[in-house]
Amino acid sequence: MTDTLRLERVRRFINTLQQSRALGLTVEDADENHLILCLPYSDHIIGNPETGVIHGGAITTMMDTASGSVMICALPEFELCPTLDLRVDYMRAAEPHKPVYARAEAYRVTSNIIFTRCEAYQEEGKPVAQCVGTFMRIGKEATPKSYRDLITGGEA
């Protein structure tokens, strides 16, 4: 699969998720086993109105979405992989009025489980949060064909 095809599939998948659309998440990059999402700053994700700091729930949702979406980059065929476990560690508050990025990696893929790690950041080398996750492989056949075709463009 080409990186262009991965990028298109991840974008289609992200656009099917209501929480991703509500947060305004965009896909910045996708290649084999990696992807980067962007969470733009907006007033409706502010957690502390006095400081303008982004709510931690928005960052956690972005990281879960990035970690769950990286399967599209790691697997040869699209299949849904529900979250089994996600552990998030916050390092610092995100700076107000700046986007936050999530870089996710699928670092181990087995026949049943996919292991991921993800870092949320605004500047390289200065993480806002990081997480590790495990996702259950349910198989291509357990994903409705109409949904698979929506994500893959009917290609696989």
C-alpha atoms as a PDB file:
ATOM      1  CA  MET A   1       0.000   0.000   0.000  1.00  0.00           C
ATOM      2  CA  THR A   2       1.342   3.461  -0.858  1.00  0.00           C
ATOM      3  CA  ASP A   3       1.597   6.320   1.631  1.00  0.00           C
ATOM      4  CA  THR A   4      -0.903   8.290  -0.481  1.00  0.00           C
ATOM      5  CA  LEU A   5      -3.429   5.461  -0.170  1.00  0.00           C
ATOM      6  CA  ARG A   6      -2.801   5.228   3.598  1.00  0.00           C
ATOM      7  CA  LEU A   7      -3.348   8.970   3.947  1.00  0.00           C
ATOM      8  CA  GLU A   8      -6.622   8.820   1.978  1.00  0.00           C
ATOM      9  CA  ARG A   9      -7.918   5.883   4.020  1.00  0.00           C
ATOM     10  CA  VAL A  10      -7.046   7.499   7.347  1.00  0.00           C
ATOM     11  CA  ARG A  11      -8.765  10.732   6.254  1.00  0.00           C
ATOM     12  CA  ARG A  12     -11.920   8.844   5.253  1.00  0.00           C
ATOM     13  CA  PHE A  13     -11.888   6.940   8.561  1.00  0.00           C
ATOM     14  CA  ILE A  14     -11.368  10.091  10.668  1.00  0.00           C
ATOM     15  CA  ASN A  15     -14.248  11.782   8.844  1.00  0.00           C
ATOM     16  CA  THR A  16     -16.627   8.956   9.845  1.00  0.00           C
ATOM     17  CA  LEU A  17     -16.014   9.593  13.546  1.00  0.00           C
ATOM     18  CA  GLN A  18     -18.340  12.164  15.082  1.00  0.00           C
ATOM     19  CA  GLN A  19     -15.917  13.102  17.868  1.00  0.00           C
ATOM     20  CA  SER A  20     -13.133  13.683  15.315  1.00  0.00           C
ATOM     21  CA  ARG A  21     -15.328  15.994  13.270  1.00  0.00           C
ATOM     22  CA  ALA A  22     -16.448  17.835  16.439  1.00  0.00           C
ATOM     23  CA  LEU A  23     -12.809  18.399  17.454  1.00  0.00           C
ATOM     24  CA  GLY A  24     -11.790  19.380  13.918  1.00  0.00           C
ATOM     25  CA  LEU A  25      -9.093  16.691  13.748  1.00  0.00           C
ATOM     26  CA  THR A  26      -7.117  16.572  10.523  1.00  0.00           C
ATOM     27  CA  VAL A  27      -4.636  14.034   9.197  1.00  0.00           C
ATOM     28  CA  GLU A  28      -1.263  15.638   8.587  1.00  0.00           C
ATOM     29  CA  ASP A  29       0.787  12.606   7.528  1.00  0.00           C
ATOM     30  CA  ALA A  30       0.545   8.827   7.210  1.00  0.00           C
ATOM     31  CA  ASP A  31       3.070   6.189   6.273  1.00  0.00           C
ATOM     32  CA  GLU A  32       3.749   2.567   7.166  1.00  0.00           C
ATOM     33  CA  ASN A  33       3.012   2.091  10.909  1.00  0.00           C
ATOM     34  CA  HIS A  34       2.893   5.877  11.637  1.00  0.00           C
ATOM     35  CA  LEU A  35       0.546   8.817  11.380  1.00  0.00           C
ATOM     36  CA  ILE A  36       0.184  12.398  12.610  1.00  0.00           C
ATOM     37  CA  LEU A  37      -3.119  14.090  13.511  1.00  0.00           C
ATOM     38  CA  CYS A  38      -3.695  17.761  14.293  1.00  0.00           C
ATOM     39  CA  LEU A  39      -6.089  19.160  16.897  1.00  0.00           C
ATOM     40  CA  PRO A  40      -6.651  22.826  16.052  1.00  0.00           C
ATOM     41  CA  TYR A  41      -7.144  25.237  18.924  1.00  0.00           C
ATOM     42  CA  SER A  42     -10.735  26.414  19.322  1.00  0.00           C
ATOM     43  CA  ASP A  43     -12.901  27.950  22.022  1.00  0.00           C
ATOM     44  CA  HIS A  44     -15.100  24.860  22.414  1.00  0.00           C
ATOM     45  CA  ILE A  45     -12.195  22.673  23.643  1.00  0.00           C
ATOM     46  CA  ILE A  46     -10.983  25.060  26.344  1.00  0.00           C
ATOM     47  CA  GLY A  47     -10.862  23.368  29.737  1.00  0.00           C
ATOM     48  CA  ASN A  48      -9.977  26.429  31.798  1.00  0.00           C
ATOM     49  CA  PRO A  49     -11.600  29.672  30.594  1.00  0.00           C
ATOM     50  CA  GLU A  50      -9.248  31.801  32.709  1.00  0.00           C
ATOM     51  CA  THR A  51      -6.085  30.442  31.082  1.00  0.00           C
ATOM     52  CA  GLY A  52      -7.408  29.178  27.732  1.00  0.00           C
ATOM     53  CA  VAL A  53      -5.751  25.781  28.279  1.00  0.00           C
ATOM     54  CA  ILE A  54      -7.182  22.917  26.207  1.00  0.00           C
ATOM     55  CA  HIS A  55      -9.249  20.354  28.128  1.00  0.00           C
ATOM     56  CA  GLY A  56      -7.356  17.110  28.725  1.00  0.00           C
ATOM     57  CA  GLY A  57     -10.308  15.117  27.386  1.00  0.00           C
ATOM     58  CA  ALA A  58      -9.851  16.650  23.931  1.00  0.00           C
ATOM     59  CA  ILE A  59      -6.179  15.657  23.940  1.00  0.00           C
ATOM     60  CA  THR A  60      -6.986  12.139  25.194  1.00  0.00           C
ATOM     61  CA  THR A  61      -9.624  11.746  22.467  1.00  0.00           C
ATOM     62  CA  MET A  62      -7.126  12.880  19.818  1.00  0.00           C
ATOM     63  CA  MET A  63      -4.509  10.409  21.095  1.00  0.00           C
ATOM     64  CA  ASP A  64      -7.006   7.517  21.239  1.00  0.00           C
ATOM     65  CA  THR A  65      -8.150   8.370  17.711  1.00  0.00           C
ATOM     66  CA  ALA A  66      -4.572   8.577  16.415  1.00  0.00           C
ATOM     67  CA  SER A  67      -3.648   5.297  18.125  1.00  0.00           C
ATOM     68  CA  GLY A  68      -6.759   3.553  16.784  1.00  0.00           C
ATOM     69  CA  SER A  69      -6.319   4.987  13.287  1.00  0.00           C
ATOM     70  CA  VAL A  70      -2.693   3.949  12.911  1.00  0.00           C
ATOM     71  CA  MET A  71      -4.018   0.402  12.275  1.00  0.00           C
ATOM     72  CA  ILE A  72      -4.911   1.581   8.797  1.00  0.00           C
ATOM     73  CA  CYS A  73      -1.207   2.268   8.254  1.00  0.00           C
ATOM     74  CA  ALA A  74      -0.041  -0.982   9.851  1.00  0.00           C
ATOM     75  CA  LEU A  75      -2.407  -3.583   8.399  1.00  0.00           C
ATOM     76  CA  PRO A  76      -2.558  -4.706   4.762  1.00  0.00           C
ATOM     77  CA  GLU A  77      -6.383  -4.639   4.784  1.00  0.00           C
ATOM     78  CA  PHE A  78      -8.790  -2.416   6.721  1.00  0.00           C
ATOM     79  CA  GLU A  79     -10.356  -3.838   9.865  1.00  0.00           C
ATOM     80  CA  LEU A  80     -11.826  -2.160  12.924  1.00  0.00           C
ATOM     81  CA  CYS A  81      -9.698  -2.584  16.046  1.00  0.00           C
ATOM     82  CA  PRO A  82     -11.455  -1.497  19.257  1.00  0.00           C
ATOM     83  CA  THR A  83      -9.462  -0.043  22.137  1.00  0.00           C
ATOM     84  CA  LEU A  84      -8.687  -2.570  24.867  1.00  0.00           C
ATOM     85  CA  ASP A  85      -6.490  -0.351  27.008  1.00  0.00           C
ATOM     86  CA  LEU A  86      -5.126   3.181  26.784  1.00  0.00           C
ATOM     87  CA  ARG A  87      -2.800   4.695  29.356  1.00  0.00           C
ATOM     88  CA  VAL A  88      -2.206   8.432  29.088  1.00  0.00           C
ATOM     89  CA  ASP A  89       0.489  10.355  30.945  1.00  0.00           C
ATOM     90  CA  TYR A  90       0.273  14.153  30.915  1.00  0.00           C
ATOM     91  CA  MET A  91       3.557  16.056  31.026  1.00  0.00           C
ATOM     92  CA  ARG A  92       2.322  19.651  30.909  1.00  0.00           C
ATOM     93  CA  ALA A  93      -0.586  21.798  29.782  1.00  0.00           C
ATOM     94  CA  ALA A  94      -0.789  22.617  26.099  1.00  0.00           C
ATOM     95  CA  GLU A  95      -0.125  26.269  25.334  1.00  0.00           C
ATOM     96  CA  PRO A  96      -3.305  28.211  24.503  1.00  0.00           C
ATOM     97  CA  HIS A  97      -4.032  29.356  20.944  1.00  0.00           C
ATOM     98  CA  LYS A  98      -1.728  26.740  19.364  1.00  0.00           C
ATOM     99  CA  PRO A  99      -2.635  23.440  17.692  1.00  0.00           C
ATOM    100  CA  VAL A 100      -1.631  20.134  19.249  1.00  0.00           C
ATOM    101  CA  TYR A 101      -0.306  17.232  17.180  1.00  0.00           C
ATOM    102  CA  ALA A 102      -0.434  13.500  17.881  1.00  0.00           C
ATOM    103  CA  ARG A 103       2.175  11.184  16.402  1.00  0.00           C
ATOM    104  CA  ALA A 104       1.066   7.537  16.659  1.00  0.00           C
ATOM    105  CA  GLU A 105       3.014   4.381  15.933  1.00  0.00           C
ATOM    106  CA  ALA A 106       1.982   0.730  15.760  1.00  0.00           C
ATOM    107  CA  TYR A 107       5.122  -0.850  17.153  1.00  0.00           C
ATOM    108  CA  ARG A 108       3.927  -4.465  17.403  1.00  0.00           C
ATOM    109  CA  VAL A 109       1.225  -6.241  15.422  1.00  0.00           C
ATOM    110  CA  THR A 110       0.133  -9.758  16.354  1.00  0.00           C
ATOM    111  CA  SER A 111      -2.709 -11.891  15.048  1.00  0.00           C
ATOM    112  CA  ASN A 112      -4.944 -10.738  17.939  1.00  0.00           C
ATOM    113  CA  ILE A 113      -3.542  -7.494  19.395  1.00  0.00           C
ATOM    114  CA  ILE A 114      -1.918  -4.311  18.096  1.00  0.00           C
ATOM    115  CA  PHE A 115       0.346  -2.330  20.427  1.00  0.00           C
ATOM    116  CA  THR A 116       0.688   1.419  19.923  1.00  0.00           C
ATOM    117  CA  ARG A 117       2.379   4.445  21.382  1.00  0.00           C
ATOM    118  CA  CYS A 118       1.487   8.051  20.790  1.00  0.00           C
ATOM    119  CA  GLU A 119       2.876  11.445  21.710  1.00  0.00           C
ATOM    120  CA  ALA A 120       0.934  14.712  21.798  1.00  0.00           C
ATOM    121  CA  TYR A 121       3.094  17.780  21.251  1.00  0.00           C
ATOM    122  CA  GLN A 122       3.116  21.355  20.072  1.00  0.00           C
ATOM    123  CA  GLU A 123       6.867  21.585  19.542  1.00  0.00           C
ATOM    124  CA  GLU A 124       9.169  18.697  18.659  1.00  0.00           C
ATOM    125  CA  GLY A 125      10.853  17.326  21.759  1.00  0.00           C
ATOM    126  CA  LYS A 126       8.366  18.926  24.177  1.00  0.00           C
ATOM    127  CA  PRO A 127       5.560  16.419  24.768  1.00  0.00           C
ATOM    128  CA  VAL A 128       2.242  17.547  26.195  1.00  0.00           C
ATOM    129  CA  ALA A 129       1.221  13.930  26.839  1.00  0.00           C
ATOM    130  CA  GLN A 130       2.076  10.429  25.780  1.00  0.00           C
ATOM    131  CA  CYS A 131       0.183   7.176  25.761  1.00  0.00           C
ATOM    132  CA  VAL A 132       0.455   3.488  25.083  1.00  0.00           C
ATOM    133  CA  GLY A 133      -2.480   1.461  23.879  1.00  0.00           C
ATOM    134  CA  THR A 134      -3.595  -2.016  22.995  1.00  0.00           C
ATOM    135  CA  PHE A 135      -6.221  -2.688  20.364  1.00  0.00           C
ATOM    136  CA  MET A 136      -8.073  -5.907  19.618  1.00  0.00           C
ATOM    137  CA  ARG A 137      -8.053  -7.235  16.077  1.00  0.00           C
ATOM    138  CA  ILE A 138     -11.560  -8.414  15.216  1.00  0.00           C
ATOM    139  CA  GLY A 139     -10.786  -9.297  11.599  1.00  0.00           C
ATOM    140  CA  LYS A 140     -11.789  -7.898   8.268  1.00  0.00           C
ATOM    141  CA  GLU A 141     -14.925 -10.084   8.157  1.00  0.00           C
ATOM    142  CA  ALA A 142     -16.291  -8.571  11.411  1.00  0.00           C
ATOM    143  CA  THR A 143     -16.264  -5.104   9.833  1.00  0.00           C
ATOM    144  CA  PRO A 144     -19.363  -4.487   7.680  1.00  0.00           C
ATOM    145  CA  LYS A 145     -18.486  -4.544   3.979  1.00  0.00           C
ATOM    146  CA  SER A 146     -20.243  -1.223   3.349  1.00  0.00           C
ATOM    147  CA  TYR A 147     -18.069   0.455   5.991  1.00  0.00           C
ATOM    148  CA  ARG A 148     -14.883  -1.230   4.668  1.00  0.00           C
ATOM    149  CA  ASP A 149     -15.766   0.003   1.171  1.00  0.00           C
ATOM    150  CA  LEU A 150     -16.324   3.534   2.526  1.00  0.00           C
ATOM    151  CA  ILE A 151     -12.842   3.583   4.072  1.00  0.00           C
ATOM    152  CA  THR A 152     -11.006   1.787   1.281  1.00  0.00           C
ATOM    153  CA  GLY A 153     -12.901   3.417  -1.561  1.00  0.00           C
ATOM    154  CA  GLY A 154     -14.002  -0.095  -2.556  1.00  0.00           C
ATOM    155  CA  GLU A 155     -10.383  -0.994  -3.375  1.00  0.00           C
ATOM    156  CA  ALA A 156      -9.907  -3.918  -1.002  1.00  0.00           C
END
